[in-house]
Amino acid sequence: MKLTAVYQQVPEGYIAFVEELPGANTQGATLDEARENLREAVELVMDANRELAGA
């Protein structure tokens, strides 16, 4: 599965989200931190979606 990660620089650091996965969004002081946080957010959202789907 391919997902589109979007990173935007803001005064506080970076915000990040995945276009195709509502709820997968985060922030970080650095781009690397935002990337790592987004990986974790995607895993959490995917796990929650699997549980809700009964898989």
C-alpha atoms as a PDB file:
ATOM      1  CA  MET A   1       0.000   0.000   0.000  1.00  0.00           C
ATOM      2  CA  LYS A   2       1.321   3.427  -0.935  1.00  0.00           C
ATOM      3  CA  LEU A   3       0.442   6.441   1.178  1.00  0.00           C
ATOM      4  CA  THR A   4       1.208  10.111   0.640  1.00  0.00           C
ATOM      5  CA  ALA A   5       2.962  11.804   3.552  1.00  0.00           C
ATOM      6  CA  VAL A   6       2.797  15.591   3.606  1.00  0.00           C
ATOM      7  CA  TYR A   7       5.191  17.692   5.688  1.00  0.00           C
ATOM      8  CA  GLN A   8       4.807  21.413   6.191  1.00  0.00           C
ATOM      9  CA  GLN A   9       7.231  23.665   7.986  1.00  0.00           C
ATOM     10  CA  VAL A  10       5.629  25.934  10.599  1.00  0.00           C
ATOM     11  CA  PRO A  11       7.220  28.324  13.092  1.00  0.00           C
ATOM     12  CA  GLU A  12       7.178  25.625  15.800  1.00  0.00           C
ATOM     13  CA  GLY A  13       8.806  22.956  13.570  1.00  0.00           C
ATOM     14  CA  TYR A  14       6.883  20.663  11.219  1.00  0.00           C
ATOM     15  CA  ILE A  15       3.392  19.280  10.898  1.00  0.00           C
ATOM     16  CA  ALA A  16       2.787  16.037   9.063  1.00  0.00           C
ATOM     17  CA  PHE A  17      -0.187  14.045   7.838  1.00  0.00           C
ATOM     18  CA  VAL A  18      -1.134  11.247   5.466  1.00  0.00           C
ATOM     19  CA  GLU A  19      -3.667  12.307   2.833  1.00  0.00           C
ATOM     20  CA  GLU A  20      -5.278   8.873   2.450  1.00  0.00           C
ATOM     21  CA  LEU A  21      -5.562   8.071   6.164  1.00  0.00           C
ATOM     22  CA  PRO A  22      -7.788  10.379   8.222  1.00  0.00           C
ATOM     23  CA  GLY A  23      -6.490  10.734  11.756  1.00  0.00           C
ATOM     24  CA  ALA A  24      -2.852  10.123  10.834  1.00  0.00           C
ATOM     25  CA  ASN A  25      -1.381  13.497  11.672  1.00  0.00           C
ATOM     26  CA  THR A  26       1.304  14.764  14.002  1.00  0.00           C
ATOM     27  CA  GLN A  27       3.993  17.343  14.558  1.00  0.00           C
ATOM     28  CA  GLY A  28       7.652  17.524  15.474  1.00  0.00           C
ATOM     29  CA  ALA A  29      10.341  20.042  16.304  1.00  0.00           C
ATOM     30  CA  THR A  30      12.455  18.714  13.416  1.00  0.00           C
ATOM     31  CA  LEU A  31      11.640  17.022  10.121  1.00  0.00           C
ATOM     32  CA  ASP A  32      13.149  13.759  11.389  1.00  0.00           C
ATOM     33  CA  GLU A  33      11.013  13.911  14.526  1.00  0.00           C
ATOM     34  CA  ALA A  34       7.891  14.603  12.468  1.00  0.00           C
ATOM     35  CA  ARG A  35       8.690  11.627  10.200  1.00  0.00           C
ATOM     36  CA  GLU A  36       9.127   9.266  13.146  1.00  0.00           C
ATOM     37  CA  ASN A  37       5.981  10.568  14.827  1.00  0.00           C
ATOM     38  CA  LEU A  38       4.031  10.106  11.591  1.00  0.00           C
ATOM     39  CA  ARG A  39       5.206   6.505  11.257  1.00  0.00           C
ATOM     40  CA  GLU A  40       3.887   5.845  14.746  1.00  0.00           C
ATOM     41  CA  ALA A  41       0.610   7.674  14.037  1.00  0.00           C
ATOM     42  CA  VAL A  42       0.040   5.622  10.878  1.00  0.00           C
ATOM     43  CA  GLU A  43       0.620   2.369  12.798  1.00  0.00           C
ATOM     44  CA  LEU A  44      -1.814   3.422  15.527  1.00  0.00           C
ATOM     45  CA  VAL A  45      -4.525   4.459  13.070  1.00  0.00           C
ATOM     46  CA  MET A  46      -4.111   1.286  11.006  1.00  0.00           C
ATOM     47  CA  ASP A  47      -4.298  -0.882  14.153  1.00  0.00           C
ATOM     48  CA  ALA A  48      -7.416   0.955  15.340  1.00  0.00           C
ATOM     49  CA  ASN A  49      -9.052   0.579  11.910  1.00  0.00           C
ATOM     50  CA  ARG A  50      -8.325  -3.172  11.914  1.00  0.00           C
ATOM     51  CA  GLU A  51      -9.907  -3.540  15.345  1.00  0.00           C
ATOM     52  CA  LEU A  52     -12.979  -1.576  14.302  1.00  0.00           C
ATOM     53  CA  ALA A  53     -13.306  -3.737  11.184  1.00  0.00           C
ATOM     54  CA  GLY A  54     -13.080  -6.891  13.288  1.00  0.00           C
ATOM     55  CA  ALA A  55      -9.998  -8.175  11.492  1.00  0.00           C
END
